[in-house]
């Protein structure tokens, strides 16, 4: 099993790559990595686990919106207001 630090490093890379060149495949990989991190038995930080869980939900929602062609109906700011991390 991949250690949590490697998952975090991979997530940083994937999120940066997604920002430069958005692709649904990258978004799906981000969701998978966030899920692995949020359930990893060696991840002892509740803050990281909670952030990974919340971010996974947000990324899943964004994927669903794009899959259904509803990008014009919801702005990113609306999603963040409902689920603030801080």
PDB file of N, CA and C in Angstrom:
ATOM      1  N   UNK A   1       0.845  -1.179   0.000  1.00  0.00           N
ATOM      2  CA  UNK A   1       0.000   0.000   0.000  1.00  0.00           C
ATOM      3  C   UNK A   1       0.893   1.247   0.000  1.00  0.00           C
ATOM      4  N   UNK A   2       0.508   2.215  -0.804  1.00  0.00           N
ATOM      5  CA  UNK A   2       1.254   3.467  -0.907  1.00  0.00           C
ATOM      6  C   UNK A   2       1.162   4.240   0.404  1.00  0.00           C
ATOM      7  N   UNK A   3       2.278   4.814   0.850  1.00  0.00           N
ATOM      8  CA  UNK A   3       2.239   5.550   2.121  1.00  0.00           C
ATOM      9  C   UNK A   3       1.550   6.907   1.933  1.00  0.00           C
ATOM     10  N   UNK A   4       1.017   7.470   3.022  1.00  0.00           N
ATOM     11  CA  UNK A   4       0.264   8.726   2.926  1.00  0.00           C
ATOM     12  C   UNK A   4       1.061   9.889   2.340  1.00  0.00           C
ATOM     13  N   UNK A   5       2.338   9.993   2.660  1.00  0.00           N
ATOM     14  CA  UNK A   5       3.143  11.095   2.115  1.00  0.00           C
ATOM     15  C   UNK A   5       3.225  11.029   0.594  1.00  0.00           C
ATOM     16  N   UNK A   6       3.355   9.826   0.066  1.00  0.00           N
ATOM     17  CA  UNK A   6       3.401   9.652  -1.386  1.00  0.00           C
ATOM     18  C   UNK A   6       2.066  10.018  -2.016  1.00  0.00           C
ATOM     19  N   UNK A   7       0.963   9.662  -1.340  1.00  0.00           N
ATOM     20  CA  UNK A   7      -0.362  10.041  -1.840  1.00  0.00           C
ATOM     21  C   UNK A   7      -0.530  11.555  -1.873  1.00  0.00           C
ATOM     22  N   UNK A   8      -0.076  12.236  -0.825  1.00  0.00           N
ATOM     23  CA  UNK A   8      -0.179  13.702  -0.787  1.00  0.00           C
ATOM     24  C   UNK A   8       0.658  14.314  -1.914  1.00  0.00           C
ATOM     25  N   UNK A   9       1.884  13.822  -2.102  1.00  0.00           N
ATOM     26  CA  UNK A   9       2.741  14.336  -3.175  1.00  0.00           C
ATOM     27  C   UNK A   9       2.100  14.095  -4.537  1.00  0.00           C
ATOM     28  N   UNK A  10       1.522  12.926  -4.730  1.00  0.00           N
ATOM     29  CA  UNK A  10       0.849  12.611  -5.993  1.00  0.00           C
ATOM     30  C   UNK A  10      -0.355  13.521  -6.216  1.00  0.00           C
ATOM     31  N   UNK A  11      -1.107  13.778  -5.152  1.00  0.00           N
ATOM     32  CA  UNK A  11      -2.260  14.673  -5.257  1.00  0.00           C
ATOM     33  C   UNK A  11      -1.843  16.079  -5.646  1.00  0.00           C
ATOM     34  N   UNK A  12      -0.767  16.568  -5.062  1.00  0.00           N
ATOM     35  CA  UNK A  12      -0.285  17.906  -5.421  1.00  0.00           C
ATOM     36  C   UNK A  12       0.071  17.968  -6.902  1.00  0.00           C
ATOM     37  N   UNK A  13       0.742  16.932  -7.379  1.00  0.00           N
ATOM     38  CA  UNK A  13       1.098  16.864  -8.793  1.00  0.00           C
ATOM     39  C   UNK A  13      -0.157  16.823  -9.672  1.00  0.00           C
ATOM     40  N   UNK A  14      -1.093  15.919  -9.331  1.00  0.00           N
ATOM     41  CA  UNK A  14      -2.300  15.764 -10.139  1.00  0.00           C
ATOM     42  C   UNK A  14      -3.141  17.038 -10.164  1.00  0.00           C
ATOM     43  N   UNK A  15      -3.259  17.693  -9.016  1.00  0.00           N
ATOM     44  CA  UNK A  15      -4.060  18.916  -8.956  1.00  0.00           C
ATOM     45  C   UNK A  15      -3.408  20.042  -9.758  1.00  0.00           C
ATOM     46  N   UNK A  16      -2.100  20.111  -9.719  1.00  0.00           N
ATOM     47  CA  UNK A  16      -1.388  21.109 -10.513  1.00  0.00           C
ATOM     48  C   UNK A  16      -1.563  20.827 -12.002  1.00  0.00           C
ATOM     49  N   UNK A  17      -1.439  19.561 -12.365  1.00  0.00           N
ATOM     50  CA  UNK A  17      -1.612  19.177 -13.771  1.00  0.00           C
ATOM     51  C   UNK A  17      -3.039  19.450 -14.239  1.00  0.00           C
ATOM     52  N   UNK A  18      -4.017  19.164 -13.390  1.00  0.00           N
ATOM     53  CA  UNK A  18      -5.414  19.416 -13.738  1.00  0.00           C
ATOM     54  C   UNK A  18      -5.667  20.904 -13.950  1.00  0.00           C
ATOM     55  N   UNK A  19      -5.021  21.724 -13.147  1.00  0.00           N
ATOM     56  CA  UNK A  19      -5.179  23.173 -13.286  1.00  0.00           C
ATOM     57  C   UNK A  19      -4.610  23.664 -14.618  1.00  0.00           C
ATOM     58  N   UNK A  20      -3.508  23.067 -15.058  1.00  0.00           N
ATOM     59  CA  UNK A  20      -2.875  23.494 -16.309  1.00  0.00           C
ATOM     60  C   UNK A  20      -3.596  22.959 -17.541  1.00  0.00           C
ATOM     61  N   UNK A  21      -4.096  21.727 -17.426  1.00  0.00           N
ATOM     62  CA  UNK A  21      -4.730  21.084 -18.585  1.00  0.00           C
ATOM     63  C   UNK A  21      -5.862  20.181 -18.099  1.00  0.00           C
ATOM     64  N   UNK A  22      -7.042  20.752 -17.866  1.00  0.00           N
ATOM     65  CA  UNK A  22      -8.155  19.991 -17.292  1.00  0.00           C
ATOM     66  C   UNK A  22      -8.576  18.787 -18.145  1.00  0.00           C
ATOM     67  N   UNK A  23      -8.717  17.649 -17.473  1.00  0.00           N
ATOM     68  CA  UNK A  23      -9.173  16.421 -18.112  1.00  0.00           C
ATOM     69  C   UNK A  23      -9.954  15.613 -17.083  1.00  0.00           C
ATOM     70  N   UNK A  24     -11.037  14.978 -17.521  1.00  0.00           N
ATOM     71  CA  UNK A  24     -11.828  14.166 -16.602  1.00  0.00           C
ATOM     72  C   UNK A  24     -11.023  13.003 -16.036  1.00  0.00           C
ATOM     73  N   UNK A  25     -10.106  12.444 -16.814  1.00  0.00           N
ATOM     74  CA  UNK A  25      -9.283  11.327 -16.330  1.00  0.00           C
ATOM     75  C   UNK A  25      -8.424  11.754 -15.141  1.00  0.00           C
ATOM     76  N   UNK A  26      -7.911  12.955 -15.192  1.00  0.00           N
ATOM     77  CA  UNK A  26      -7.107  13.455 -14.073  1.00  0.00           C
ATOM     78  C   UNK A  26      -8.007  13.676 -12.862  1.00  0.00           C
ATOM     79  N   UNK A  27      -9.191  14.235 -13.083  1.00  0.00           N
ATOM     80  CA  UNK A  27     -10.132  14.430 -11.978  1.00  0.00           C
ATOM     81  C   UNK A  27     -10.476  13.095 -11.316  1.00  0.00           C
ATOM     82  N   UNK A  28     -10.683  12.073 -12.120  1.00  0.00           N
ATOM     83  CA  UNK A  28     -10.985  10.752 -11.576  1.00  0.00           C
ATOM     84  C   UNK A  28      -9.814  10.205 -10.763  1.00  0.00           C
ATOM     85  N   UNK A  29      -8.595  10.429 -11.239  1.00  0.00           N
ATOM     86  CA  UNK A  29      -7.412   9.984 -10.495  1.00  0.00           C
ATOM     87  C   UNK A  29      -7.301  10.744  -9.180  1.00  0.00           C
ATOM     88  N   UNK A  30      -7.647  12.018  -9.190  1.00  0.00           N
ATOM     89  CA  UNK A  30      -7.622  12.821  -7.958  1.00  0.00           C
ATOM     90  C   UNK A  30      -8.614  12.259  -6.947  1.00  0.00           C
ATOM     91  N   UNK A  31      -9.817  11.943  -7.401  1.00  0.00           N
ATOM     92  CA  UNK A  31     -10.823  11.362  -6.508  1.00  0.00           C
ATOM     93  C   UNK A  31     -10.317  10.046  -5.925  1.00  0.00           C
ATOM     94  N   UNK A  32      -9.728   9.204  -6.755  1.00  0.00           N
ATOM     95  CA  UNK A  32      -9.206   7.921  -6.278  1.00  0.00           C
ATOM     96  C   UNK A  32      -8.111   8.123  -5.225  1.00  0.00           C
ATOM     97  N   UNK A  33      -7.211   9.056  -5.478  1.00  0.00           N
ATOM     98  CA  UNK A  33      -6.131   9.318  -4.523  1.00  0.00           C
ATOM     99  C   UNK A  33      -6.674   9.908  -3.218  1.00  0.00           C
ATOM    100  N   UNK A  34      -7.650  10.802  -3.319  1.00  0.00           N
ATOM    101  CA  UNK A  34      -8.262  11.370  -2.108  1.00  0.00           C
ATOM    102  C   UNK A  34      -8.963  10.281  -1.294  1.00  0.00           C
ATOM    103  N   UNK A  35      -9.642   9.372  -1.978  1.00  0.00           N
ATOM    104  CA  UNK A  35     -10.298   8.262  -1.281  1.00  0.00           C
ATOM    105  C   UNK A  35      -9.274   7.362  -0.596  1.00  0.00           C
ATOM    106  N   UNK A  36      -8.185   7.069  -1.293  1.00  0.00           N
ATOM    107  CA  UNK A  36      -7.139   6.235  -0.683  1.00  0.00           C
ATOM    108  C   UNK A  36      -6.557   6.918   0.555  1.00  0.00           C
ATOM    109  N   UNK A  37      -6.336   8.228   0.459  1.00  0.00           N
ATOM    110  CA  UNK A  37      -5.762   8.971   1.579  1.00  0.00           C
ATOM    111  C   UNK A  37      -6.732   9.024   2.759  1.00  0.00           C
ATOM    112  N   UNK A  38      -8.009   9.259   2.476  1.00  0.00           N
ATOM    113  CA  UNK A  38      -8.986   9.403   3.563  1.00  0.00           C
ATOM    114  C   UNK A  38      -9.250   8.094   4.299  1.00  0.00           C
ATOM    115  N   UNK A  39      -8.920   6.967   3.690  1.00  0.00           N
ATOM    116  CA  UNK A  39      -9.148   5.666   4.330  1.00  0.00           C
ATOM    117  C   UNK A  39      -7.853   4.931   4.668  1.00  0.00           C
ATOM    118  N   UNK A  40      -6.733   5.588   4.462  1.00  0.00           N
ATOM    119  CA  UNK A  40      -5.435   4.933   4.682  1.00  0.00           C
ATOM    120  C   UNK A  40      -5.221   4.667   6.171  1.00  0.00           C
ATOM    121  N   UNK A  41      -4.890   3.425   6.529  1.00  0.00           N
ATOM    122  CA  UNK A  41      -4.713   3.094   7.949  1.00  0.00           C
ATOM    123  C   UNK A  41      -3.513   3.784   8.606  1.00  0.00           C
ATOM    124  N   UNK A  42      -2.543   4.217   7.812  1.00  0.00           N
ATOM    125  CA  UNK A  42      -1.360   4.875   8.372  1.00  0.00           C
ATOM    126  C   UNK A  42      -1.481   6.398   8.403  1.00  0.00           C
ATOM    127  N   UNK A  43      -2.567   6.934   7.909  1.00  0.00           N
ATOM    128  CA  UNK A  43      -2.755   8.384   7.955  1.00  0.00           C
ATOM    129  C   UNK A  43      -3.340   8.728   9.319  1.00  0.00           C
ATOM    130  N   UNK A  44      -2.520   9.265  10.170  1.00  0.00           N
ATOM    131  CA  UNK A  44      -2.905   9.519  11.562  1.00  0.00           C
ATOM    132  C   UNK A  44      -3.507  10.916  11.773  1.00  0.00           C
ATOM    133  N   UNK A  45      -3.383  11.771  10.794  1.00  0.00           N
ATOM    134  CA  UNK A  45      -3.875  13.144  10.931  1.00  0.00           C
ATOM    135  C   UNK A  45      -5.365  13.208  10.605  1.00  0.00           C
ATOM    136  N   UNK A  46      -6.156  13.537  11.608  1.00  0.00           N
ATOM    137  CA  UNK A  46      -7.602  13.678  11.383  1.00  0.00           C
ATOM    138  C   UNK A  46      -7.890  14.849  10.451  1.00  0.00           C
ATOM    139  N   UNK A  47      -7.045  15.862  10.488  1.00  0.00           N
ATOM    140  CA  UNK A  47      -7.216  17.025   9.611  1.00  0.00           C
ATOM    141  C   UNK A  47      -7.055  16.596   8.150  1.00  0.00           C
ATOM    142  N   UNK A  48      -6.024  15.820   7.863  1.00  0.00           N
ATOM    143  CA  UNK A  48      -5.784  15.344   6.494  1.00  0.00           C
ATOM    144  C   UNK A  48      -6.904  14.412   6.054  1.00  0.00           C
ATOM    145  N   UNK A  49      -7.303  13.491   6.927  1.00  0.00           N
ATOM    146  CA  UNK A  49      -8.382  12.551   6.596  1.00  0.00           C
ATOM    147  C   UNK A  49      -9.673  13.311   6.285  1.00  0.00           C
ATOM    148  N   UNK A  50     -10.016  14.283   7.121  1.00  0.00           N
ATOM    149  CA  UNK A  50     -11.236  15.052   6.911  1.00  0.00           C
ATOM    150  C   UNK A  50     -11.148  15.888   5.635  1.00  0.00           C
ATOM    151  N   UNK A  51     -10.020  16.534   5.415  1.00  0.00           N
ATOM    152  CA  UNK A  51      -9.849  17.342   4.199  1.00  0.00           C
ATOM    153  C   UNK A  51      -9.944  16.460   2.952  1.00  0.00           C
ATOM    154  N   UNK A  52      -9.318  15.292   2.983  1.00  0.00           N
ATOM    155  CA  UNK A  52      -9.363  14.379   1.837  1.00  0.00           C
ATOM    156  C   UNK A  52     -10.798  13.912   1.579  1.00  0.00           C
ATOM    157  N   UNK A  53     -11.535  13.620   2.630  1.00  0.00           N
ATOM    158  CA  UNK A  53     -12.928  13.185   2.487  1.00  0.00           C
ATOM    159  C   UNK A  53     -13.777  14.293   1.859  1.00  0.00           C
ATOM    160  N   UNK A  54     -13.637  15.509   2.375  1.00  0.00           N
ATOM    161  CA  UNK A  54     -14.420  16.640   1.851  1.00  0.00           C
ATOM    162  C   UNK A  54     -14.040  16.969   0.413  1.00  0.00           C
ATOM    163  N   UNK A  55     -12.741  16.975   0.140  1.00  0.00           N
ATOM    164  CA  UNK A  55     -12.290  17.273  -1.219  1.00  0.00           C
ATOM    165  C   UNK A  55     -12.760  16.210  -2.203  1.00  0.00           C
ATOM    166  N   UNK A  56     -12.765  14.954  -1.775  1.00  0.00           N
ATOM    167  CA  UNK A  56     -13.254  13.884  -2.636  1.00  0.00           C
ATOM    168  C   UNK A  56     -14.709  14.143  -3.022  1.00  0.00           C
ATOM    169  N   UNK A  57     -15.518  14.536  -2.061  1.00  0.00           N
ATOM    170  CA  UNK A  57     -16.929  14.865  -2.358  1.00  0.00           C
ATOM    171  C   UNK A  57     -17.019  16.019  -3.350  1.00  0.00           C
ATOM    172  N   UNK A  58     -16.220  17.051  -3.140  1.00  0.00           N
ATOM    173  CA  UNK A  58     -16.233  18.207  -4.046  1.00  0.00           C
ATOM    174  C   UNK A  58     -15.816  17.820  -5.463  1.00  0.00           C
ATOM    175  N   UNK A  59     -14.736  17.038  -5.584  1.00  0.00           N
ATOM    176  CA  UNK A  59     -14.260  16.623  -6.896  1.00  0.00           C
ATOM    177  C   UNK A  59     -15.275  15.711  -7.578  1.00  0.00           C
ATOM    178  N   UNK A  60     -15.926  14.821  -6.821  1.00  0.00           N
ATOM    179  CA  UNK A  60     -16.970  13.959  -7.392  1.00  0.00           C
ATOM    180  C   UNK A  60     -18.130  14.811  -7.931  1.00  0.00           C
ATOM    181  N   UNK A  61     -18.508  15.811  -7.160  1.00  0.00           N
ATOM    182  CA  UNK A  61     -19.598  16.679  -7.576  1.00  0.00           C
ATOM    183  C   UNK A  61     -19.232  17.406  -8.873  1.00  0.00           C
ATOM    184  N   UNK A  62     -18.022  17.917  -8.949  1.00  0.00           N
ATOM    185  CA  UNK A  62     -17.573  18.598 -10.165  1.00  0.00           C
ATOM    186  C   UNK A  62     -17.597  17.646 -11.360  1.00  0.00           C
ATOM    187  N   UNK A  63     -17.164  16.412 -11.159  1.00  0.00           N
ATOM    188  CA  UNK A  63     -17.193  15.423 -12.241  1.00  0.00           C
ATOM    189  C   UNK A  63     -18.626  15.173 -12.717  1.00  0.00           C
ATOM    190  N   UNK A  64     -19.542  14.997 -11.770  1.00  0.00           N
ATOM    191  CA  UNK A  64     -20.945  14.758 -12.122  1.00  0.00           C
ATOM    192  C   UNK A  64     -21.529  15.934 -12.905  1.00  0.00           C
ATOM    193  N   UNK A  65     -21.191  17.128 -12.467  1.00  0.00           N
ATOM    194  CA  UNK A  65     -21.679  18.332 -13.150  1.00  0.00           C
ATOM    195  C   UNK A  65     -21.187  18.355 -14.596  1.00  0.00           C
ATOM    196  N   UNK A  66     -19.903  18.072 -14.796  1.00  0.00           N
ATOM    197  CA  UNK A  66     -19.344  18.067 -16.158  1.00  0.00           C
ATOM    198  C   UNK A  66     -19.932  16.933 -16.991  1.00  0.00           C
ATOM    199  N   UNK A  67     -20.098  15.738 -16.386  1.00  0.00           N
ATOM    200  CA  UNK A  67     -20.657  14.600 -17.117  1.00  0.00           C
ATOM    201  C   UNK A  67     -22.073  14.902 -17.603  1.00  0.00           C
ATOM    202  N   UNK A  68     -22.825  15.668 -16.829  1.00  0.00           N
ATOM    203  CA  UNK A  68     -24.205  15.985 -17.183  1.00  0.00           C
ATOM    204  C   UNK A  68     -24.320  17.273 -17.999  1.00  0.00           C
ATOM    205  N   UNK A  69     -23.173  17.923 -18.252  1.00  0.00           N
ATOM    206  CA  UNK A  69     -23.179  19.146 -19.046  1.00  0.00           C
ATOM    207  C   UNK A  69     -23.846  20.312 -18.344  1.00  0.00           C
ATOM    208  N   UNK A  70     -23.712  20.368 -17.028  1.00  0.00           N
ATOM    209  CA  UNK A  70     -24.392  21.405 -16.251  1.00  0.00           C
ATOM    210  C   UNK A  70     -23.446  22.470 -15.698  1.00  0.00           C
ATOM    211  N   UNK A  71     -22.284  22.617 -16.308  1.00  0.00           N
ATOM    212  CA  UNK A  71     -21.308  23.589 -15.816  1.00  0.00           C
ATOM    213  C   UNK A  71     -21.889  24.987 -15.713  1.00  0.00           C
ATOM    214  N   UNK A  72     -22.785  25.329 -16.621  1.00  0.00           N
ATOM    215  CA  UNK A  72     -23.371  26.669 -16.657  1.00  0.00           C
ATOM    216  C   UNK A  72     -24.350  26.911 -15.506  1.00  0.00           C
ATOM    217  N   UNK A  73     -24.784  25.847 -14.815  1.00  0.00           N
ATOM    218  CA  UNK A  73     -25.787  25.980 -13.751  1.00  0.00           C
ATOM    219  C   UNK A  73     -25.192  26.250 -12.373  1.00  0.00           C
ATOM    220  N   UNK A  74     -23.939  25.848 -12.160  1.00  0.00           N
ATOM    221  CA  UNK A  74     -23.332  25.951 -10.834  1.00  0.00           C
ATOM    222  C   UNK A  74     -21.949  26.556 -10.975  1.00  0.00           C
ATOM    223  N   UNK A  75     -21.681  27.569 -10.157  1.00  0.00           N
ATOM    224  CA  UNK A  75     -20.322  28.129 -10.147  1.00  0.00           C
ATOM    225  C   UNK A  75     -19.528  27.459  -9.045  1.00  0.00           C
ATOM    226  N   UNK A  76     -18.217  27.417  -9.158  1.00  0.00           N
ATOM    227  CA  UNK A  76     -17.352  26.823  -8.143  1.00  0.00           C
ATOM    228  C   UNK A  76     -17.521  27.476  -6.789  1.00  0.00           C
ATOM    229  N   UNK A  77     -17.813  28.769  -6.769  1.00  0.00           N
ATOM    230  CA  UNK A  77     -17.989  29.478  -5.507  1.00  0.00           C
ATOM    231  C   UNK A  77     -19.196  28.935  -4.745  1.00  0.00           C
ATOM    232  N   UNK A  78     -20.255  28.550  -5.450  1.00  0.00           N
ATOM    233  CA  UNK A  78     -21.436  27.996  -4.796  1.00  0.00           C
ATOM    234  C   UNK A  78     -21.109  26.700  -4.064  1.00  0.00           C
ATOM    235  N   UNK A  79     -20.311  25.852  -4.670  1.00  0.00           N
ATOM    236  CA  UNK A  79     -19.933  24.577  -4.068  1.00  0.00           C
ATOM    237  C   UNK A  79     -19.086  24.813  -2.830  1.00  0.00           C
ATOM    238  N   UNK A  80     -18.137  25.731  -2.898  1.00  0.00           N
ATOM    239  CA  UNK A  80     -17.248  25.979  -1.759  1.00  0.00           C
ATOM    240  C   UNK A  80     -17.989  26.579  -0.573  1.00  0.00           C
ATOM    241  N   UNK A  81     -19.010  27.379  -0.804  1.00  0.00           N
ATOM    242  CA  UNK A  81     -19.763  27.977   0.291  1.00  0.00           C
ATOM    243  C   UNK A  81     -20.491  26.920   1.102  1.00  0.00           C
ATOM    244  N   UNK A  82     -20.927  25.843   0.472  1.00  0.00           N
ATOM    245  CA  UNK A  82     -21.673  24.790   1.154  1.00  0.00           C
ATOM    246  C   UNK A  82     -20.776  23.911   2.023  1.00  0.00           C
ATOM    247  N   UNK A  83     -19.518  23.761   1.645  1.00  0.00           N
ATOM    248  CA  UNK A  83     -18.627  22.826   2.305  1.00  0.00           C
ATOM    249  C   UNK A  83     -17.269  23.470   2.619  1.00  0.00           C
ATOM    250  N   UNK A  84     -17.214  24.518   3.412  1.00  0.00           N
ATOM    251  CA  UNK A  84     -15.915  25.161   3.655  1.00  0.00           C
ATOM    252  C   UNK A  84     -14.984  24.237   4.435  1.00  0.00           C
ATOM    253  N   UNK A  85     -13.722  24.266   4.097  1.00  0.00           N
ATOM    254  CA  UNK A  85     -12.729  23.456   4.814  1.00  0.00           C
ATOM    255  C   UNK A  85     -12.332  24.145   6.111  1.00  0.00           C
ATOM    256  N   UNK A  86     -12.304  25.457   6.141  1.00  0.00           N
ATOM    257  CA  UNK A  86     -11.897  26.185   7.342  1.00  0.00           C
ATOM    258  C   UNK A  86     -13.089  26.578   8.165  1.00  0.00           C
TER     259      UNK A  86
END
